Amino acid sequence: MSSELPPIEKAKFVAAKQATEYVESGMKVGLGTGSTAEWLVQCLGEMVREEGLRIKGVPTSKRTARLAKKVGIDVITLDEAKWLDVTIDGTDEYDSDLTLIKGGGGAHLREKIVATASDRMIVIADASKKVDTLGAFPLPVEVIPFGLPVTQSLIEETLSGLDVLGRDVTMRMQGDTPFVTDEGNFILDLHLKRIGNPRQLSLVINQIPGVVENGLFIDICDMVIVGYGDGRVTTRDITNNTANVVRFDVLDDDNIFSDVAD
């Protein structure tokens, strides 16, 4: 498996592998969406099949639900779970305060709901996701279809009074049609380049009629696990103010996850 993966995929894999150390039998686990989260689901599925791990998984998207069922994880809804022990998810950007931008996969609404319904949120990422200041990655904002042009105009007008460097707002597309979320909504991507005050931006944007939720995760993430292409993994726990480094052997001849990188 790992010897044939590019360094970026090795980094995602080892981060996901380390995150499984925080999952125990009997737990209810939020399962994130995206390429790094898919590695986690595969790792947990292997533990279910080969080690007898017993967990209930709450997926944050239909895509994750399909993969979780495929690898043998017992999938339940958040309504059934009511509260989760941990949510493990990827991120598009994070800063030193563990504030995140999420939503590149279009699932940030469900991801935020699931993460806030958990005792803790663990983010898994490769080193490229760390930034000094958020905003290089476009900020996703989920909006309802009704009155979309009005909502977009209000967002553009609001950005003029906020501490951001860019103010372009674009509709996320899937081919020739608008991208539709699992909730049947659209996504506007805010190309801000730099977000000077994430907390203010989040509060103001969410007050605009038609906005469902934005992709800023503030005071939600408790731990970030960062993988590197050489097998190193760094873990930073903001709650306990601890950090450590481990190393995985990524040269095993194991192809169980080969389909994830396709």
C-alpha atoms as a PDB file:
ATOM      1  CA  MET A   1       0.000   0.000   0.000  1.00  0.00           C
ATOM      2  CA  SER A   2       2.098   2.829   1.330  1.00  0.00           C
ATOM      3  CA  SER A   3       5.269   2.290  -0.716  1.00  0.00           C
ATOM      4  CA  GLU A   4       3.370   3.106  -3.910  1.00  0.00           C
ATOM      5  CA  LEU A   5       1.490   6.132  -2.587  1.00  0.00           C
ATOM      6  CA  PRO A   6       2.669   9.692  -3.219  1.00  0.00           C
ATOM      7  CA  PRO A   7       3.949  11.517  -0.107  1.00  0.00           C
ATOM      8  CA  ILE A   8       0.735  13.515   0.324  1.00  0.00           C
ATOM      9  CA  GLU A   9      -1.341  10.338   0.572  1.00  0.00           C
ATOM     10  CA  LYS A  10       1.167   8.741   2.945  1.00  0.00           C
ATOM     11  CA  ALA A  11       0.831  11.829   5.130  1.00  0.00           C
ATOM     12  CA  LYS A  12      -2.955  11.537   5.183  1.00  0.00           C
ATOM     13  CA  PHE A  13      -2.745   7.822   5.941  1.00  0.00           C
ATOM     14  CA  VAL A  14      -0.400   8.109   8.929  1.00  0.00           C
ATOM     15  CA  ALA A  15      -2.456  10.961  10.391  1.00  0.00           C
ATOM     16  CA  ALA A  16      -5.590   8.826  10.111  1.00  0.00           C
ATOM     17  CA  LYS A  17      -3.788   5.804  11.551  1.00  0.00           C
ATOM     18  CA  GLN A  18      -2.659   7.787  14.590  1.00  0.00           C
ATOM     19  CA  ALA A  19      -6.201   9.090  15.125  1.00  0.00           C
ATOM     20  CA  THR A  20      -7.490   5.536  15.572  1.00  0.00           C
ATOM     21  CA  GLU A  21      -5.581   5.477  18.886  1.00  0.00           C
ATOM     22  CA  TYR A  22      -8.353   7.663  20.281  1.00  0.00           C
ATOM     23  CA  VAL A  23     -11.171   5.299  19.299  1.00  0.00           C
ATOM     24  CA  GLU A  24     -12.242   2.494  21.633  1.00  0.00           C
ATOM     25  CA  SER A  25     -14.905  -0.194  21.507  1.00  0.00           C
ATOM     26  CA  GLY A  26     -18.289   1.053  22.600  1.00  0.00           C
ATOM     27  CA  MET A  27     -17.733   4.560  21.281  1.00  0.00           C
ATOM     28  CA  LYS A  28     -20.010   6.571  19.050  1.00  0.00           C
ATOM     29  CA  VAL A  29     -17.773   8.243  16.471  1.00  0.00           C
ATOM     30  CA  GLY A  30     -18.449  11.092  14.073  1.00  0.00           C
ATOM     31  CA  LEU A  31     -16.938  10.275  10.683  1.00  0.00           C
ATOM     32  CA  GLY A  32     -15.805  13.224   8.597  1.00  0.00           C
ATOM     33  CA  THR A  33     -15.919  13.824   4.870  1.00  0.00           C
ATOM     34  CA  GLY A  34     -13.043  14.220   2.414  1.00  0.00           C
ATOM     35  CA  SER A  35      -9.931  12.435   1.244  1.00  0.00           C
ATOM     36  CA  THR A  36      -8.185  12.379   4.641  1.00  0.00           C
ATOM     37  CA  ALA A  37     -11.336  11.288   6.460  1.00  0.00           C
ATOM     38  CA  GLU A  38     -11.689   8.430   3.974  1.00  0.00           C
ATOM     39  CA  TRP A  39      -8.352   7.072   5.184  1.00  0.00           C
ATOM     40  CA  LEU A  40      -9.720   7.129   8.720  1.00  0.00           C
ATOM     41  CA  VAL A  41     -12.847   5.234   7.727  1.00  0.00           C
ATOM     42  CA  GLN A  42     -10.708   2.609   6.005  1.00  0.00           C
ATOM     43  CA  CYS A  43      -8.460   2.252   9.059  1.00  0.00           C
ATOM     44  CA  LEU A  44     -11.440   1.907  11.392  1.00  0.00           C
ATOM     45  CA  GLY A  45     -13.062  -0.597   9.045  1.00  0.00           C
ATOM     46  CA  GLU A  46      -9.939  -2.731   9.167  1.00  0.00           C
ATOM     47  CA  MET A  47     -10.016  -2.621  12.981  1.00  0.00           C
ATOM     48  CA  VAL A  48     -13.678  -3.661  12.948  1.00  0.00           C
ATOM     49  CA  ARG A  49     -13.025  -6.611  10.664  1.00  0.00           C
ATOM     50  CA  GLU A  50      -9.702  -7.808  12.030  1.00  0.00           C
ATOM     51  CA  GLU A  51      -9.534  -6.677  15.654  1.00  0.00           C
ATOM     52  CA  GLY A  52     -13.160  -6.850  16.742  1.00  0.00           C
ATOM     53  CA  LEU A  53     -13.539  -3.097  17.276  1.00  0.00           C
ATOM     54  CA  ARG A  54     -17.163  -2.286  18.065  1.00  0.00           C
ATOM     55  CA  ILE A  55     -18.226   1.267  17.288  1.00  0.00           C
ATOM     56  CA  LYS A  56     -21.219   3.181  16.004  1.00  0.00           C
ATOM     57  CA  GLY A  57     -20.329   5.602  13.218  1.00  0.00           C
ATOM     58  CA  VAL A  58     -22.231   8.800  12.460  1.00  0.00           C
ATOM     59  CA  PRO A  59     -21.254   9.930   8.926  1.00  0.00           C
ATOM     60  CA  THR A  60     -21.226  13.602   7.964  1.00  0.00           C
ATOM     61  CA  SER A  61     -22.210  12.937   4.348  1.00  0.00           C
ATOM     62  CA  LYS A  62     -23.864  10.366   2.145  1.00  0.00           C
ATOM     63  CA  ARG A  63     -20.465   9.664   0.581  1.00  0.00           C
ATOM     64  CA  THR A  64     -18.930   8.832   3.957  1.00  0.00           C
ATOM     65  CA  ALA A  65     -21.947   6.720   4.902  1.00  0.00           C
ATOM     66  CA  ARG A  66     -21.524   4.576   1.799  1.00  0.00           C
ATOM     67  CA  LEU A  67     -17.835   4.003   2.493  1.00  0.00           C
ATOM     68  CA  ALA A  68     -18.396   3.260   6.187  1.00  0.00           C
ATOM     69  CA  LYS A  69     -21.004   0.625   5.396  1.00  0.00           C
ATOM     70  CA  LYS A  70     -18.755  -0.871   2.725  1.00  0.00           C
ATOM     71  CA  VAL A  71     -15.863  -1.400   5.169  1.00  0.00           C
ATOM     72  CA  GLY A  72     -18.082  -2.866   7.887  1.00  0.00           C
ATOM     73  CA  ILE A  73     -18.716   0.021  10.284  1.00  0.00           C
ATOM     74  CA  ASP A  74     -22.114   0.040  11.979  1.00  0.00           C
ATOM     75  CA  VAL A  75     -23.693   3.294  10.758  1.00  0.00           C
ATOM     76  CA  ILE A  76     -26.324   5.183  12.735  1.00  0.00           C
ATOM     77  CA  THR A  77     -27.822   8.669  12.506  1.00  0.00           C
ATOM     78  CA  LEU A  78     -27.062  11.542  14.851  1.00  0.00           C
ATOM     79  CA  ASP A  79     -30.666  11.385  16.039  1.00  0.00           C
ATOM     80  CA  GLU A  80     -30.072   7.794  17.092  1.00  0.00           C
ATOM     81  CA  ALA A  81     -26.714   8.556  18.687  1.00  0.00           C
ATOM     82  CA  LYS A  82     -27.861  11.748  20.435  1.00  0.00           C
ATOM     83  CA  TRP A  83     -24.285  12.511  21.548  1.00  0.00           C
ATOM     84  CA  LEU A  84     -20.875  11.322  20.366  1.00  0.00           C
ATOM     85  CA  ASP A  85     -17.633  10.445  22.111  1.00  0.00           C
ATOM     86  CA  VAL A  86     -15.452  11.882  19.372  1.00  0.00           C
ATOM     87  CA  THR A  87     -15.596  13.244  15.845  1.00  0.00           C
ATOM     88  CA  ILE A  88     -12.577  12.814  13.578  1.00  0.00           C
ATOM     89  CA  ASP A  89     -12.470  14.866  10.408  1.00  0.00           C
ATOM     90  CA  GLY A  90     -10.143  16.567   7.972  1.00  0.00           C
ATOM     91  CA  THR A  91      -9.758  20.273   7.283  1.00  0.00           C
ATOM     92  CA  ASP A  92      -8.964  22.619   4.419  1.00  0.00           C
ATOM     93  CA  GLU A  93      -7.033  25.070   6.604  1.00  0.00           C
ATOM     94  CA  TYR A  94      -6.206  25.499  10.279  1.00  0.00           C
ATOM     95  CA  ASP A  95      -4.298  28.122  12.254  1.00  0.00           C
ATOM     96  CA  SER A  96      -2.405  28.143  15.542  1.00  0.00           C
ATOM     97  CA  ASP A  97      -5.653  28.524  17.523  1.00  0.00           C
ATOM     98  CA  LEU A  98      -7.059  25.421  15.787  1.00  0.00           C
ATOM     99  CA  THR A  99      -9.652  27.534  14.034  1.00  0.00           C
ATOM    100  CA  LEU A 100     -10.575  25.761  10.812  1.00  0.00           C
ATOM    101  CA  ILE A 101     -11.918  26.366   7.352  1.00  0.00           C
ATOM    102  CA  LYS A 102     -13.908  23.341   6.228  1.00  0.00           C
ATOM    103  CA  GLY A 103     -16.334  22.642   3.432  1.00  0.00           C
ATOM    104  CA  GLY A 104     -14.181  21.903   0.419  1.00  0.00           C
ATOM    105  CA  GLY A 105     -16.205  18.728   0.048  1.00  0.00           C
ATOM    106  CA  GLY A 106     -19.484  20.567   0.524  1.00  0.00           C
ATOM    107  CA  ALA A 107     -20.386  18.933   3.851  1.00  0.00           C
ATOM    108  CA  HIS A 108     -19.485  21.616   6.399  1.00  0.00           C
ATOM    109  CA  LEU A 109     -23.056  22.007   7.677  1.00  0.00           C
ATOM    110  CA  ARG A 110     -23.354  18.377   8.750  1.00  0.00           C
ATOM    111  CA  GLU A 111     -19.704  18.328   9.810  1.00  0.00           C
ATOM    112  CA  LYS A 112     -20.238  21.267  12.157  1.00  0.00           C
ATOM    113  CA  ILE A 113     -23.411  19.805  13.643  1.00  0.00           C
ATOM    114  CA  VAL A 114     -21.750  16.440  14.268  1.00  0.00           C
ATOM    115  CA  ALA A 115     -18.558  17.978  15.653  1.00  0.00           C
ATOM    116  CA  THR A 116     -20.412  20.173  18.132  1.00  0.00           C
ATOM    117  CA  ALA A 117     -22.428  17.161  19.291  1.00  0.00           C
ATOM    118  CA  SER A 118     -19.222  15.419  20.402  1.00  0.00           C
ATOM    119  CA  ASP A 119     -17.130  15.359  23.546  1.00  0.00           C
ATOM    120  CA  ARG A 120     -14.124  16.248  21.404  1.00  0.00           C
ATOM    121  CA  MET A 121     -13.187  16.936  17.805  1.00  0.00           C
ATOM    122  CA  ILE A 122      -9.936  15.634  16.343  1.00  0.00           C
ATOM    123  CA  VAL A 123      -8.687  16.999  13.035  1.00  0.00           C
ATOM    124  CA  ILE A 124      -6.396  14.934  10.820  1.00  0.00           C
ATOM    125  CA  ALA A 125      -4.389  16.676   8.123  1.00  0.00           C
ATOM    126  CA  ASP A 126      -1.222  16.832   6.106  1.00  0.00           C
ATOM    127  CA  ALA A 127       1.276  19.605   6.826  1.00  0.00           C
ATOM    128  CA  SER A 128       0.077  21.813   3.942  1.00  0.00           C
ATOM    129  CA  LYS A 129      -3.147  22.616   5.811  1.00  0.00           C
ATOM    130  CA  LYS A 130      -1.378  24.704   8.486  1.00  0.00           C
ATOM    131  CA  VAL A 131      -1.519  28.460   7.810  1.00  0.00           C
ATOM    132  CA  ASP A 132      -0.524  31.585   9.706  1.00  0.00           C
ATOM    133  CA  THR A 133      -3.730  33.358   8.712  1.00  0.00           C
ATOM    134  CA  LEU A 134      -6.904  31.774   7.395  1.00  0.00           C
ATOM    135  CA  GLY A 135      -8.377  32.726   4.049  1.00  0.00           C
ATOM    136  CA  ALA A 136      -6.229  31.414   1.200  1.00  0.00           C
ATOM    137  CA  PHE A 137      -8.752  28.586   0.886  1.00  0.00           C
ATOM    138  CA  PRO A 138     -12.167  29.958  -0.183  1.00  0.00           C
ATOM    139  CA  LEU A 139     -14.660  30.066   2.684  1.00  0.00           C
ATOM    140  CA  PRO A 140     -17.747  27.967   1.852  1.00  0.00           C
ATOM    141  CA  VAL A 141     -21.144  29.359   2.811  1.00  0.00           C
ATOM    142  CA  GLU A 142     -24.187  27.112   2.452  1.00  0.00           C
ATOM    143  CA  VAL A 143     -27.270  29.020   1.322  1.00  0.00           C
ATOM    144  CA  ILE A 144     -30.837  28.072   0.487  1.00  0.00           C
ATOM    145  CA  PRO A 145     -31.841  28.237  -3.197  1.00  0.00           C
ATOM    146  CA  PHE A 146     -34.726  30.663  -2.601  1.00  0.00           C
ATOM    147  CA  GLY A 147     -33.643  34.246  -3.109  1.00  0.00           C
ATOM    148  CA  LEU A 148     -30.088  33.271  -3.944  1.00  0.00           C
ATOM    149  CA  PRO A 149     -29.173  36.471  -5.857  1.00  0.00           C
ATOM    150  CA  VAL A 150     -30.356  38.569  -2.908  1.00  0.00           C
ATOM    151  CA  THR A 151     -28.389  36.489  -0.435  1.00  0.00           C
ATOM    152  CA  GLN A 152     -25.256  36.744  -2.561  1.00  0.00           C
ATOM    153  CA  SER A 153     -25.630  40.519  -2.892  1.00  0.00           C
ATOM    154  CA  LEU A 154     -26.056  40.880   0.873  1.00  0.00           C
ATOM    155  CA  ILE A 155     -22.924  38.810   1.482  1.00  0.00           C
ATOM    156  CA  GLU A 156     -20.911  40.916  -0.979  1.00  0.00           C
ATOM    157  CA  GLU A 157     -22.167  44.119   0.643  1.00  0.00           C
ATOM    158  CA  THR A 158     -21.360  42.810   4.123  1.00  0.00           C
ATOM    159  CA  LEU A 159     -17.799  41.839   3.185  1.00  0.00           C
ATOM    160  CA  SER A 160     -17.000  45.470   2.363  1.00  0.00           C
ATOM    161  CA  GLY A 161     -17.112  46.274   6.064  1.00  0.00           C
ATOM    162  CA  LEU A 162     -15.079  43.292   7.316  1.00  0.00           C
ATOM    163  CA  ASP A 163     -11.367  42.673   7.767  1.00  0.00           C
ATOM    164  CA  VAL A 164     -10.733  40.579   4.669  1.00  0.00           C
ATOM    165  CA  LEU A 165      -8.368  41.044   1.748  1.00  0.00           C
ATOM    166  CA  GLY A 166     -10.574  39.719  -1.079  1.00  0.00           C
ATOM    167  CA  ARG A 167     -14.301  40.031  -1.638  1.00  0.00           C
ATOM    168  CA  ASP A 168     -15.117  37.845  -4.656  1.00  0.00           C
ATOM    169  CA  VAL A 169     -18.104  35.528  -4.199  1.00  0.00           C
ATOM    170  CA  THR A 170     -18.713  32.666  -6.640  1.00  0.00           C
ATOM    171  CA  MET A 171     -21.304  29.940  -6.970  1.00  0.00           C
ATOM    172  CA  ARG A 172     -19.837  26.465  -6.517  1.00  0.00           C
ATOM    173  CA  MET A 173     -20.510  24.445  -9.631  1.00  0.00           C
ATOM    174  CA  GLN A 174     -20.552  20.769 -10.476  1.00  0.00           C
ATOM    175  CA  GLY A 175     -20.033  20.711 -14.187  1.00  0.00           C
ATOM    176  CA  ASP A 176     -22.570  23.038 -15.765  1.00  0.00           C
ATOM    177  CA  THR A 177     -24.964  23.076 -12.810  1.00  0.00           C
ATOM    178  CA  PRO A 178     -24.741  24.390  -9.247  1.00  0.00           C
ATOM    179  CA  PHE A 179     -23.298  22.017  -6.672  1.00  0.00           C
ATOM    180  CA  VAL A 180     -26.085  20.752  -4.390  1.00  0.00           C
ATOM    181  CA  THR A 181     -25.383  19.735  -0.798  1.00  0.00           C
ATOM    182  CA  ASP A 182     -26.868  16.708   0.945  1.00  0.00           C
ATOM    183  CA  GLU A 183     -29.436  19.108   2.413  1.00  0.00           C
ATOM    184  CA  GLY A 184     -30.488  20.344  -1.040  1.00  0.00           C
ATOM    185  CA  ASN A 185     -28.791  23.734  -0.704  1.00  0.00           C
ATOM    186  CA  PHE A 186     -26.176  25.636  -2.721  1.00  0.00           C
ATOM    187  CA  ILE A 187     -22.708  26.796  -1.741  1.00  0.00           C
ATOM    188  CA  LEU A 188     -21.201  30.219  -2.285  1.00  0.00           C
ATOM    189  CA  ASP A 189     -17.397  30.304  -2.071  1.00  0.00           C
ATOM    190  CA  LEU A 190     -15.961  33.490  -0.572  1.00  0.00           C
ATOM    191  CA  HIS A 191     -12.489  34.242  -1.951  1.00  0.00           C
ATOM    192  CA  LEU A 192     -11.219  36.320   0.954  1.00  0.00           C
ATOM    193  CA  LYS A 193      -7.440  35.654   0.688  1.00  0.00           C
ATOM    194  CA  ARG A 194      -6.981  36.721   4.319  1.00  0.00           C
ATOM    195  CA  ILE A 195      -9.440  36.656   7.229  1.00  0.00           C
ATOM    196  CA  GLY A 196      -8.377  39.152   9.873  1.00  0.00           C
ATOM    197  CA  ASN A 197     -11.123  38.365  12.391  1.00  0.00           C
ATOM    198  CA  PRO A 198     -12.669  34.891  11.880  1.00  0.00           C
ATOM    199  CA  ARG A 199     -15.007  35.155  14.862  1.00  0.00           C
ATOM    200  CA  GLN A 200     -16.524  38.440  13.694  1.00  0.00           C
ATOM    201  CA  LEU A 201     -16.814  37.208  10.116  1.00  0.00           C
ATOM    202  CA  SER A 202     -18.597  34.030  11.160  1.00  0.00           C
ATOM    203  CA  LEU A 203     -21.103  35.830  13.354  1.00  0.00           C
ATOM    204  CA  VAL A 204     -21.923  38.499  10.769  1.00  0.00           C
ATOM    205  CA  ILE A 205     -22.224  36.160   7.782  1.00  0.00           C
ATOM    206  CA  ASN A 206     -24.559  33.820   9.662  1.00  0.00           C
ATOM    207  CA  GLN A 207     -26.936  36.721  10.368  1.00  0.00           C
ATOM    208  CA  ILE A 208     -27.663  37.222   6.665  1.00  0.00           C
ATOM    209  CA  PRO A 209     -31.086  35.850   5.614  1.00  0.00           C
ATOM    210  CA  GLY A 210     -30.673  32.842   3.351  1.00  0.00           C
ATOM    211  CA  VAL A 211     -27.371  31.763   4.885  1.00  0.00           C
ATOM    212  CA  VAL A 212     -27.548  28.348   6.519  1.00  0.00           C
ATOM    213  CA  GLU A 213     -23.960  27.979   7.803  1.00  0.00           C
ATOM    214  CA  ASN A 214     -20.400  28.992   6.992  1.00  0.00           C
ATOM    215  CA  GLY A 215     -17.257  26.856   6.987  1.00  0.00           C
ATOM    216  CA  LEU A 216     -15.419  28.514   9.890  1.00  0.00           C
ATOM    217  CA  PHE A 217     -15.028  26.149  12.850  1.00  0.00           C
ATOM    218  CA  ILE A 218     -14.224  28.255  15.918  1.00  0.00           C
ATOM    219  CA  ASP A 219     -13.640  26.791  19.401  1.00  0.00           C
ATOM    220  CA  ILE A 220     -14.687  23.361  18.131  1.00  0.00           C
ATOM    221  CA  CYS A 221     -11.443  21.517  17.369  1.00  0.00           C
ATOM    222  CA  ASP A 222      -9.584  20.099  20.394  1.00  0.00           C
ATOM    223  CA  MET A 223      -6.705  18.273  18.722  1.00  0.00           C
ATOM    224  CA  VAL A 224      -4.882  18.284  15.396  1.00  0.00           C
ATOM    225  CA  ILE A 225      -2.919  15.292  14.126  1.00  0.00           C
ATOM    226  CA  VAL A 226      -0.585  16.145  11.248  1.00  0.00           C
ATOM    227  CA  GLY A 227       0.972  13.502   9.013  1.00  0.00           C
ATOM    228  CA  TYR A 228       4.112  13.772   6.882  1.00  0.00           C
ATOM    229  CA  GLY A 229       5.237  11.833   3.831  1.00  0.00           C
ATOM    230  CA  ASP A 230       8.144  10.234   5.715  1.00  0.00           C
ATOM    231  CA  GLY A 231       5.834   8.636   8.298  1.00  0.00           C
ATOM    232  CA  ARG A 232       6.162  11.242  11.031  1.00  0.00           C
ATOM    233  CA  VAL A 233       3.035  12.313  12.879  1.00  0.00           C
ATOM    234  CA  THR A 234       2.724  15.289  15.209  1.00  0.00           C
ATOM    235  CA  THR A 235      -0.142  15.586  17.656  1.00  0.00           C
ATOM    236  CA  ARG A 236      -1.173  18.822  19.330  1.00  0.00           C
ATOM    237  CA  ASP A 237      -3.859  18.790  22.022  1.00  0.00           C
ATOM    238  CA  ILE A 238      -5.015  22.342  22.677  1.00  0.00           C
ATOM    239  CA  THR A 239      -7.125  21.267  25.661  1.00  0.00           C
ATOM    240  CA  ASN A 240      -4.215  19.764  27.605  1.00  0.00           C
ATOM    241  CA  ASN A 241      -1.562  21.974  25.991  1.00  0.00           C
ATOM    242  CA  THR A 242       0.480  18.942  24.951  1.00  0.00           C
ATOM    243  CA  ALA A 243       2.326  17.918  21.794  1.00  0.00           C
ATOM    244  CA  ASN A 244       4.199  14.806  20.693  1.00  0.00           C
ATOM    245  CA  VAL A 245       5.768  13.134  17.677  1.00  0.00           C
ATOM    246  CA  VAL A 246       5.586   9.499  16.556  1.00  0.00           C
ATOM    247  CA  ARG A 247       6.731   7.713  13.419  1.00  0.00           C
ATOM    248  CA  PHE A 248       5.026   4.985  11.391  1.00  0.00           C
ATOM    249  CA  ASP A 249       6.666   2.448   9.106  1.00  0.00           C
ATOM    250  CA  VAL A 250       5.005   3.310   5.799  1.00  0.00           C
ATOM    251  CA  LEU A 251       6.782   0.659   3.750  1.00  0.00           C
ATOM    252  CA  ASP A 252       4.558  -2.300   4.621  1.00  0.00           C
ATOM    253  CA  ASP A 253       3.384  -4.343   1.633  1.00  0.00           C
ATOM    254  CA  ASP A 254      -0.265  -3.822   2.457  1.00  0.00           C
ATOM    255  CA  ASN A 255      -2.715  -2.819  -0.277  1.00  0.00           C
ATOM    256  CA  ILE A 256      -5.937  -2.770   1.747  1.00  0.00           C
ATOM    257  CA  PHE A 257      -6.429   0.952   1.191  1.00  0.00           C
ATOM    258  CA  SER A 258      -5.327   1.176  -2.412  1.00  0.00           C
ATOM    259  CA  ASP A 259      -8.748   2.229  -3.638  1.00  0.00           C
ATOM    260  CA  VAL A 260      -8.847   5.334  -1.462  1.00  0.00           C
ATOM    261  CA  ALA A 261      -6.232   7.180  -3.485  1.00  0.00           C
ATOM    262  CA  ASP A 262      -7.885   6.446  -6.822  1.00  0.00           C
END
